Amino acid sequence: IFKPRRLEPDGSWTDVEGRGLSDWIIVSLEPKKDSDPAEEEEAHAEALAGMTELMAQRIQAAFDRDDGPVHGTFSTLDEDADGYYLVVFTSPPYTLQHDVELTEYTPALRIKAGELVCDAEYYNKVKGAQLWYTRSSPPTKTTVRVQHVVAADLRLAPVSA
């Protein structure tokens, strides 16, 4: 079982209380009245591609360090998940060579060949313990679109006795 903790500059760990880590600030960017819809779509695509590349680099860097499991989160609309799923990445990012259907979702999701993805295993929320997670047993595997990753290199500290 893991509880989110913050690594302080002096090397000590501080428990993270409350929901501050998942209190995201979401802004809405509004186009000008005379803006070109095609340019707006291109700007959004470029921003998403840039964030996807940044997350892929962070995941890859964590694998390159080779100092333990690489944890992260990816966004979801699942109301029971606080807006994200916590996972341990089991592969560095790679380009999908063929379409994949993820049957753990209802309805099943299809990821198309050519997308940047990582293999991962889910953590489950601990019932009655806010922001506490435990590894799925047996592991529940999935494929994560890197463009959905919102945190690419989380450090989890085990709860000390």
N, C-alpha and C. Protein backbone atom coordinates (compact mmCIF):
# COMPACT_ATOMS: atom_id res chain seq x y z
N ILE A 1 0.86 -1.17 0.00
CA ILE A 1 0.00 0.00 0.00
C ILE A 1 0.90 1.23 0.00
N PHE A 2 0.51 2.21 -0.80
CA PHE A 2 1.28 3.44 -0.90
C PHE A 2 0.39 4.63 -0.59
N LYS A 3 0.99 5.64 0.01
CA LYS A 3 0.32 6.91 0.24
C LYS A 3 1.19 7.99 -0.38
N PRO A 4 0.59 8.94 -1.09
CA PRO A 4 1.40 9.99 -1.70
C PRO A 4 2.17 10.78 -0.65
N ARG A 5 3.44 10.97 -0.93
CA ARG A 5 4.31 11.76 -0.07
C ARG A 5 5.16 12.65 -0.94
N ARG A 6 5.62 13.74 -0.37
CA ARG A 6 6.46 14.69 -1.09
C ARG A 6 7.88 14.59 -0.54
N LEU A 7 8.87 14.51 -1.44
CA LEU A 7 10.27 14.48 -1.05
C LEU A 7 10.72 15.91 -0.82
N GLU A 8 11.16 16.21 0.40
CA GLU A 8 11.61 17.55 0.76
C GLU A 8 13.07 17.74 0.36
N PRO A 9 13.53 19.00 0.23
CA PRO A 9 14.92 19.26 -0.16
C PRO A 9 15.95 18.61 0.78
N ASP A 10 15.59 18.43 2.05
CA ASP A 10 16.54 17.83 3.00
C ASP A 10 16.55 16.30 2.93
N GLY A 11 15.76 15.73 2.01
CA GLY A 11 15.72 14.28 1.85
C GLY A 11 14.65 13.58 2.66
N SER A 12 13.92 14.32 3.49
CA SER A 12 12.85 13.72 4.29
C SER A 12 11.56 13.67 3.48
N TRP A 13 10.61 12.85 3.95
CA TRP A 13 9.33 12.71 3.27
C TRP A 13 8.24 13.37 4.11
N THR A 14 7.32 14.07 3.46
CA THR A 14 6.18 14.69 4.11
C THR A 14 4.91 14.10 3.52
N ASP A 15 3.99 13.66 4.39
CA ASP A 15 2.71 13.16 3.90
C ASP A 15 1.97 14.27 3.17
N VAL A 16 1.32 13.92 2.08
CA VAL A 16 0.50 14.87 1.34
C VAL A 16 -0.93 14.64 1.78
N GLU A 17 -1.49 15.59 2.48
CA GLU A 17 -2.85 15.46 2.99
C GLU A 17 -3.83 16.15 2.06
N GLY A 18 -5.06 15.75 2.13
CA GLY A 18 -6.11 16.40 1.35
C GLY A 18 -6.05 16.02 -0.11
N ARG A 19 -6.71 16.80 -0.93
CA ARG A 19 -6.83 16.48 -2.34
C ARG A 19 -6.05 17.46 -3.21
N GLY A 20 -5.07 18.14 -2.65
CA GLY A 20 -4.35 19.17 -3.39
C GLY A 20 -3.70 18.69 -4.66
N LEU A 21 -3.22 17.44 -4.69
CA LEU A 21 -2.53 16.96 -5.89
C LEU A 21 -3.47 16.78 -7.06
N SER A 22 -4.74 16.58 -6.80
CA SER A 22 -5.66 16.38 -7.91
C SER A 22 -6.57 17.59 -8.12
N ASP A 23 -6.28 18.70 -7.47
CA ASP A 23 -7.03 19.93 -7.69
C ASP A 23 -6.39 20.68 -8.84
N TRP A 24 -6.71 20.26 -10.04
CA TRP A 24 -6.11 20.84 -11.23
C TRP A 24 -6.80 22.14 -11.59
N ILE A 25 -6.05 23.05 -12.14
CA ILE A 25 -6.62 24.29 -12.66
C ILE A 25 -6.80 24.09 -14.16
N ILE A 26 -8.02 24.16 -14.59
CA ILE A 26 -8.32 23.96 -16.01
C ILE A 26 -8.77 25.30 -16.57
N VAL A 27 -8.13 25.71 -17.62
CA VAL A 27 -8.49 26.97 -18.25
C VAL A 27 -9.08 26.69 -19.62
N SER A 28 -9.91 27.59 -20.06
CA SER A 28 -10.51 27.48 -21.37
C SER A 28 -9.96 28.60 -22.24
N LEU A 29 -9.36 28.24 -23.34
CA LEU A 29 -8.84 29.23 -24.26
C LEU A 29 -9.89 29.49 -25.33
N GLU A 30 -10.30 30.72 -25.43
CA GLU A 30 -11.35 31.09 -26.37
C GLU A 30 -10.73 31.73 -27.61
N PRO A 31 -11.14 31.30 -28.79
CA PRO A 31 -10.62 31.91 -30.01
C PRO A 31 -11.19 33.32 -30.21
N LYS A 32 -10.45 34.11 -30.95
CA LYS A 32 -10.96 35.43 -31.32
C LYS A 32 -12.12 35.26 -32.30
N LYS A 33 -12.94 36.27 -32.39
CA LYS A 33 -14.11 36.19 -33.27
C LYS A 33 -13.73 35.95 -34.73
N ASP A 34 -12.59 36.48 -35.14
CA ASP A 34 -12.20 36.36 -36.55
C ASP A 34 -11.14 35.28 -36.78
N SER A 35 -10.97 34.38 -35.82
CA SER A 35 -9.94 33.35 -35.99
C SER A 35 -10.39 32.27 -36.97
N ASP A 36 -9.42 31.63 -37.58
CA ASP A 36 -9.67 30.58 -38.56
C ASP A 36 -9.79 29.24 -37.84
N PRO A 37 -10.92 28.54 -37.95
CA PRO A 37 -11.08 27.25 -37.26
C PRO A 37 -9.99 26.23 -37.60
N ALA A 38 -9.51 26.24 -38.82
CA ALA A 38 -8.44 25.30 -39.20
C ALA A 38 -7.16 25.62 -38.44
N GLU A 39 -6.86 26.91 -38.26
CA GLU A 39 -5.67 27.30 -37.51
C GLU A 39 -5.82 26.95 -36.03
N GLU A 40 -7.03 27.11 -35.50
CA GLU A 40 -7.29 26.74 -34.10
C GLU A 40 -7.03 25.25 -33.90
N GLU A 41 -7.56 24.44 -34.80
CA GLU A 41 -7.38 22.99 -34.70
C GLU A 41 -5.90 22.62 -34.81
N GLU A 42 -5.20 23.28 -35.70
CA GLU A 42 -3.76 23.03 -35.86
C GLU A 42 -2.99 23.41 -34.59
N ALA A 43 -3.36 24.52 -33.98
CA ALA A 43 -2.70 24.95 -32.74
C ALA A 43 -2.94 23.95 -31.62
N HIS A 44 -4.18 23.45 -31.51
CA HIS A 44 -4.48 22.44 -30.49
C HIS A 44 -3.68 21.16 -30.74
N ALA A 45 -3.61 20.74 -31.99
CA ALA A 45 -2.87 19.52 -32.33
C ALA A 45 -1.38 19.68 -32.01
N GLU A 46 -0.83 20.85 -32.29
CA GLU A 46 0.59 21.10 -31.99
C GLU A 46 0.84 21.09 -30.49
N ALA A 47 -0.06 21.70 -29.73
CA ALA A 47 0.10 21.71 -28.27
C ALA A 47 0.03 20.29 -27.71
N LEU A 48 -0.93 19.50 -28.19
CA LEU A 48 -1.06 18.12 -27.73
C LEU A 48 0.16 17.29 -28.11
N ALA A 49 0.65 17.48 -29.32
CA ALA A 49 1.85 16.75 -29.76
C ALA A 49 3.05 17.13 -28.90
N GLY A 50 3.18 18.39 -28.56
CA GLY A 50 4.28 18.83 -27.70
C GLY A 50 4.21 18.23 -26.31
N MET A 51 3.01 18.21 -25.72
CA MET A 51 2.85 17.61 -24.39
C MET A 51 3.07 16.10 -24.43
N THR A 52 2.63 15.47 -25.51
CA THR A 52 2.85 14.02 -25.66
C THR A 52 4.34 13.72 -25.71
N GLU A 53 5.08 14.50 -26.48
CA GLU A 53 6.53 14.30 -26.58
C GLU A 53 7.21 14.54 -25.24
N LEU A 54 6.79 15.57 -24.52
CA LEU A 54 7.36 15.86 -23.20
C LEU A 54 7.12 14.70 -22.23
N MET A 55 5.90 14.17 -22.20
CA MET A 55 5.60 13.04 -21.32
C MET A 55 6.41 11.80 -21.72
N ALA A 56 6.53 11.56 -23.02
CA ALA A 56 7.32 10.42 -23.50
C ALA A 56 8.78 10.56 -23.06
N GLN A 57 9.33 11.76 -23.16
CA GLN A 57 10.72 11.98 -22.74
C GLN A 57 10.89 11.74 -21.25
N ARG A 58 9.92 12.17 -20.45
CA ARG A 58 10.01 11.98 -19.00
C ARG A 58 9.90 10.50 -18.63
N ILE A 59 9.02 9.78 -19.29
CA ILE A 59 8.90 8.35 -19.02
C ILE A 59 10.19 7.64 -19.43
N GLN A 60 10.70 7.96 -20.61
CA GLN A 60 11.94 7.34 -21.09
C GLN A 60 13.10 7.64 -20.15
N ALA A 61 13.20 8.89 -19.68
CA ALA A 61 14.28 9.26 -18.76
C ALA A 61 14.20 8.46 -17.47
N ALA A 62 12.98 8.22 -16.98
CA ALA A 62 12.82 7.43 -15.76
C ALA A 62 13.27 5.98 -15.99
N PHE A 63 12.97 5.42 -17.15
CA PHE A 63 13.45 4.06 -17.46
C PHE A 63 14.96 4.05 -17.61
N ASP A 64 15.52 5.09 -18.21
CA ASP A 64 16.97 5.16 -18.41
C ASP A 64 17.72 5.23 -17.08
N ARG A 65 17.12 5.87 -16.07
CA ARG A 65 17.76 5.95 -14.74
C ARG A 65 17.88 4.57 -14.11
N ASP A 66 16.91 3.71 -14.41
CA ASP A 66 16.91 2.33 -13.92
C ASP A 66 17.06 2.26 -12.40
N ASP A 67 16.26 3.08 -11.69
CA ASP A 67 16.35 3.09 -10.23
C ASP A 67 15.05 2.67 -9.56
N GLY A 68 14.30 1.82 -10.24
CA GLY A 68 13.06 1.32 -9.65
C GLY A 68 11.88 1.50 -10.58
N PRO A 69 10.71 1.11 -10.09
CA PRO A 69 9.50 1.20 -10.92
C PRO A 69 9.21 2.63 -11.36
N VAL A 70 8.63 2.76 -12.53
CA VAL A 70 8.27 4.07 -13.08
C VAL A 70 6.76 4.22 -12.96
N HIS A 71 6.34 5.13 -12.10
CA HIS A 71 4.91 5.36 -11.86
C HIS A 71 4.44 6.61 -12.56
N GLY A 72 3.16 6.64 -12.88
CA GLY A 72 2.58 7.82 -13.50
C GLY A 72 1.07 7.78 -13.42
N THR A 73 0.45 8.80 -13.98
CA THR A 73 -1.01 8.84 -14.04
C THR A 73 -1.43 9.21 -15.45
N PHE A 74 -2.63 8.76 -15.80
CA PHE A 74 -3.21 9.21 -17.06
C PHE A 74 -4.67 9.57 -16.82
N SER A 75 -5.15 10.50 -17.62
CA SER A 75 -6.47 11.07 -17.41
C SER A 75 -7.58 10.10 -17.77
N THR A 76 -8.70 10.27 -17.08
CA THR A 76 -9.89 9.47 -17.34
C THR A 76 -11.13 10.27 -16.97
N LEU A 77 -12.24 9.90 -17.54
CA LEU A 77 -13.52 10.50 -17.17
C LEU A 77 -14.26 9.64 -16.15
N ASP A 78 -13.64 8.54 -15.71
CA ASP A 78 -14.23 7.64 -14.71
C ASP A 78 -14.45 8.42 -13.41
N GLU A 79 -15.70 8.55 -13.00
CA GLU A 79 -16.03 9.34 -11.81
C GLU A 79 -15.46 8.75 -10.52
N ASP A 80 -15.17 7.46 -10.50
CA ASP A 80 -14.62 6.82 -9.31
C ASP A 80 -13.11 6.97 -9.20
N ALA A 81 -12.49 7.60 -10.18
CA ALA A 81 -11.03 7.62 -10.24
C ALA A 81 -10.41 9.00 -10.00
N ASP A 82 -11.16 9.98 -9.56
CA ASP A 82 -10.63 11.31 -9.28
C ASP A 82 -10.00 11.98 -10.49
N GLY A 83 -10.36 11.56 -11.69
CA GLY A 83 -9.85 12.20 -12.89
C GLY A 83 -8.60 11.57 -13.48
N TYR A 84 -8.03 10.58 -12.78
CA TYR A 84 -6.82 9.93 -13.29
C TYR A 84 -6.73 8.51 -12.75
N TYR A 85 -5.95 7.70 -13.45
CA TYR A 85 -5.59 6.36 -12.97
C TYR A 85 -4.11 6.38 -12.63
N LEU A 86 -3.76 5.78 -11.51
CA LEU A 86 -2.36 5.61 -11.13
C LEU A 86 -1.89 4.27 -11.68
N VAL A 87 -0.72 4.27 -12.33
CA VAL A 87 -0.18 3.06 -12.93
C VAL A 87 1.31 2.97 -12.69
N VAL A 88 1.84 1.77 -12.88
CA VAL A 88 3.28 1.58 -12.99
C VAL A 88 3.52 1.23 -14.46
N PHE A 89 4.38 2.00 -15.11
CA PHE A 89 4.69 1.73 -16.51
C PHE A 89 5.60 0.51 -16.57
N THR A 90 5.27 -0.42 -17.45
CA THR A 90 6.06 -1.64 -17.58
C THR A 90 6.88 -1.65 -18.87
N SER A 91 6.77 -0.58 -19.64
CA SER A 91 7.60 -0.44 -20.84
C SER A 91 7.86 1.04 -21.07
N PRO A 92 8.99 1.35 -21.69
CA PRO A 92 9.18 2.73 -22.13
C PRO A 92 8.22 3.02 -23.29
N PRO A 93 8.08 4.27 -23.68
CA PRO A 93 7.18 4.61 -24.79
C PRO A 93 7.62 3.94 -26.09
N TYR A 94 6.63 3.55 -26.89
CA TYR A 94 6.91 2.99 -28.21
C TYR A 94 5.75 3.33 -29.13
N THR A 95 6.01 3.25 -30.42
CA THR A 95 4.98 3.52 -31.42
C THR A 95 4.25 2.22 -31.72
N LEU A 96 2.94 2.25 -31.57
CA LEU A 96 2.12 1.06 -31.79
C LEU A 96 2.19 0.65 -33.26
N GLN A 97 2.48 -0.62 -33.50
CA GLN A 97 2.66 -1.12 -34.87
C GLN A 97 1.36 -1.63 -35.50
N HIS A 98 0.36 -1.91 -34.67
CA HIS A 98 -0.93 -2.38 -35.18
C HIS A 98 -2.02 -1.91 -34.22
N ASP A 99 -3.24 -1.86 -34.68
CA ASP A 99 -4.35 -1.45 -33.83
C ASP A 99 -4.48 -2.40 -32.64
N VAL A 100 -4.87 -1.85 -31.49
CA VAL A 100 -5.08 -2.64 -30.28
C VAL A 100 -6.45 -2.29 -29.72
N GLU A 101 -7.17 -3.30 -29.27
CA GLU A 101 -8.46 -3.08 -28.62
C GLU A 101 -8.31 -3.35 -27.13
N LEU A 102 -8.66 -2.37 -26.31
CA LEU A 102 -8.57 -2.50 -24.86
C LEU A 102 -9.93 -2.93 -24.33
N THR A 103 -10.05 -4.20 -24.01
CA THR A 103 -11.34 -4.76 -23.61
C THR A 103 -11.65 -4.54 -22.13
N GLU A 104 -10.70 -3.98 -21.36
CA GLU A 104 -10.99 -3.73 -19.95
C GLU A 104 -11.93 -2.54 -19.78
N TYR A 105 -12.17 -1.80 -20.85
CA TYR A 105 -13.09 -0.67 -20.82
C TYR A 105 -14.43 -1.08 -21.43
N THR A 106 -15.50 -0.42 -20.96
CA THR A 106 -16.82 -0.66 -21.52
C THR A 106 -17.37 0.67 -21.99
N PRO A 107 -17.56 0.87 -23.28
CA PRO A 107 -17.23 -0.07 -24.35
C PRO A 107 -15.71 -0.14 -24.56
N ALA A 108 -15.28 -1.17 -25.26
CA ALA A 108 -13.85 -1.36 -25.52
C ALA A 108 -13.29 -0.16 -26.28
N LEU A 109 -12.04 0.18 -26.00
CA LEU A 109 -11.36 1.28 -26.69
C LEU A 109 -10.42 0.73 -27.73
N ARG A 110 -10.31 1.42 -28.84
CA ARG A 110 -9.38 1.03 -29.89
C ARG A 110 -8.30 2.10 -29.99
N ILE A 111 -7.04 1.64 -29.95
CA ILE A 111 -5.90 2.53 -30.17
C ILE A 111 -5.34 2.17 -31.53
N LYS A 112 -5.18 3.16 -32.37
CA LYS A 112 -4.75 2.92 -33.74
C LYS A 112 -3.23 2.83 -33.86
N ALA A 113 -2.79 2.05 -34.82
CA ALA A 113 -1.37 1.94 -35.14
C ALA A 113 -0.80 3.34 -35.38
N GLY A 114 0.44 3.54 -34.94
CA GLY A 114 1.10 4.82 -35.12
C GLY A 114 1.07 5.70 -33.88
N GLU A 115 0.21 5.36 -32.89
CA GLU A 115 0.15 6.18 -31.67
C GLU A 115 1.30 5.82 -30.74
N LEU A 116 1.74 6.80 -29.97
CA LEU A 116 2.78 6.61 -28.97
C LEU A 116 2.12 6.10 -27.70
N VAL A 117 2.57 4.93 -27.21
CA VAL A 117 1.94 4.28 -26.06
C VAL A 117 3.00 3.73 -25.11
N CYS A 118 2.54 3.32 -23.93
CA CYS A 118 3.35 2.58 -22.95
C CYS A 118 2.49 1.45 -22.42
N ASP A 119 3.12 0.36 -22.05
CA ASP A 119 2.42 -0.70 -21.34
C ASP A 119 2.44 -0.34 -19.85
N ALA A 120 1.39 -0.73 -19.14
CA ALA A 120 1.30 -0.35 -17.73
C ALA A 120 0.44 -1.36 -16.96
N GLU A 121 0.52 -1.27 -15.63
CA GLU A 121 -0.33 -2.04 -14.73
C GLU A 121 -0.98 -1.06 -13.76
N TYR A 122 -2.26 -1.28 -13.51
CA TYR A 122 -3.04 -0.38 -12.65
C TYR A 122 -2.72 -0.54 -11.18
N TYR A 123 -2.88 0.56 -10.45
CA TYR A 123 -3.00 0.55 -9.01
C TYR A 123 -4.49 0.73 -8.70
N ASN A 124 -4.94 0.20 -7.58
CA ASN A 124 -6.33 0.36 -7.15
C ASN A 124 -6.38 1.31 -5.97
N LYS A 125 -7.45 2.09 -5.90
CA LYS A 125 -7.67 2.94 -4.74
C LYS A 125 -7.97 2.05 -3.53
N VAL A 126 -7.48 2.43 -2.36
CA VAL A 126 -7.79 1.72 -1.13
C VAL A 126 -9.09 2.31 -0.59
N LYS A 127 -10.10 1.46 -0.43
CA LYS A 127 -11.41 1.94 0.03
C LYS A 127 -11.28 2.57 1.42
N GLY A 128 -11.89 3.74 1.55
CA GLY A 128 -11.91 4.42 2.84
C GLY A 128 -10.64 5.17 3.17
N ALA A 129 -9.66 5.17 2.28
CA ALA A 129 -8.40 5.87 2.54
C ALA A 129 -8.11 6.79 1.36
N GLN A 130 -8.34 8.05 1.55
CA GLN A 130 -8.18 9.02 0.48
C GLN A 130 -6.73 9.09 0.00
N LEU A 131 -6.56 8.99 -1.31
CA LEU A 131 -5.26 9.08 -1.98
C LEU A 131 -4.29 7.95 -1.61
N TRP A 132 -4.81 6.80 -1.19
CA TRP A 132 -3.98 5.63 -0.94
C TRP A 132 -4.26 4.62 -2.04
N TYR A 133 -3.22 3.91 -2.47
CA TYR A 133 -3.33 2.97 -3.58
C TYR A 133 -2.56 1.70 -3.28
N THR A 134 -2.97 0.62 -3.93
CA THR A 134 -2.25 -0.65 -3.84
C THR A 134 -2.21 -1.28 -5.23
N ARG A 135 -1.16 -2.06 -5.49
CA ARG A 135 -1.05 -2.72 -6.79
C ARG A 135 -2.18 -3.71 -6.98
N SER A 136 -2.66 -3.82 -8.20
CA SER A 136 -3.68 -4.81 -8.53
C SER A 136 -3.07 -6.20 -8.38
N SER A 137 -3.84 -7.12 -7.83
CA SER A 137 -3.35 -8.48 -7.68
C SER A 137 -4.46 -9.44 -8.08
N PRO A 138 -4.29 -10.19 -9.15
CA PRO A 138 -3.14 -10.19 -10.05
C PRO A 138 -3.08 -8.88 -10.83
N PRO A 139 -1.93 -8.57 -11.40
CA PRO A 139 -1.79 -7.29 -12.12
C PRO A 139 -2.82 -7.14 -13.23
N THR A 140 -3.41 -5.96 -13.31
CA THR A 140 -4.32 -5.63 -14.40
C THR A 140 -3.53 -4.79 -15.39
N LYS A 141 -3.28 -5.37 -16.55
CA LYS A 141 -2.42 -4.72 -17.55
C LYS A 141 -3.25 -3.89 -18.51
N THR A 142 -2.62 -2.86 -19.04
CA THR A 142 -3.28 -2.01 -20.03
C THR A 142 -2.23 -1.38 -20.94
N THR A 143 -2.69 -0.73 -21.96
CA THR A 143 -1.85 0.07 -22.84
C THR A 143 -2.33 1.51 -22.70
N VAL A 144 -1.40 2.42 -22.44
CA VAL A 144 -1.73 3.82 -22.17
C VAL A 144 -1.27 4.69 -23.34
N ARG A 145 -2.18 5.50 -23.85
CA ARG A 145 -1.78 6.51 -24.84
C ARG A 145 -0.95 7.56 -24.11
N VAL A 146 0.24 7.83 -24.60
CA VAL A 146 1.10 8.82 -23.94
C VAL A 146 0.44 10.19 -23.95
N GLN A 147 -0.40 10.48 -24.94
CA GLN A 147 -1.07 11.79 -24.97
C GLN A 147 -2.05 11.95 -23.82
N HIS A 148 -2.40 10.88 -23.11
CA HIS A 148 -3.30 10.97 -21.96
C HIS A 148 -2.55 11.03 -20.64
N VAL A 149 -1.22 10.89 -20.67
CA VAL A 149 -0.43 10.92 -19.43
C VAL A 149 -0.39 12.34 -18.88
N VAL A 150 -0.69 12.47 -17.59
CA VAL A 150 -0.65 13.80 -16.95
C VAL A 150 0.49 13.91 -15.94
N ALA A 151 1.03 12.79 -15.50
CA ALA A 151 2.22 12.77 -14.64
C ALA A 151 3.05 11.57 -15.07
N ALA A 152 4.30 11.83 -15.44
CA ALA A 152 5.08 10.78 -16.10
C ALA A 152 6.12 10.12 -15.22
N ASP A 153 6.47 10.69 -14.12
CA ASP A 153 7.54 10.11 -13.30
C ASP A 153 7.28 10.40 -11.83
N LEU A 154 6.23 9.77 -11.30
CA LEU A 154 5.89 9.97 -9.89
C LEU A 154 6.80 9.12 -9.01
N ARG A 155 7.17 9.66 -7.88
CA ARG A 155 7.93 8.90 -6.89
C ARG A 155 6.97 8.53 -5.77
N LEU A 156 6.76 7.25 -5.56
CA LEU A 156 5.90 6.79 -4.48
C LEU A 156 6.77 6.28 -3.35
N ALA A 157 6.43 6.67 -2.16
CA ALA A 157 7.16 6.20 -0.99
C ALA A 157 6.27 5.22 -0.23
N PRO A 158 6.82 4.06 0.15
CA PRO A 158 6.01 3.14 0.94
C PRO A 158 5.67 3.75 2.29
N VAL A 159 4.52 3.39 2.81
CA VAL A 159 4.12 3.88 4.13
C VAL A 159 5.04 3.23 5.15
N SER A 160 5.64 4.04 5.99
CA SER A 160 6.55 3.50 7.00
C SER A 160 5.78 3.09 8.24
N ALA A 161 6.36 2.18 8.96
CA ALA A 161 5.70 1.66 10.17
C ALA A 161 5.85 2.62 11.32
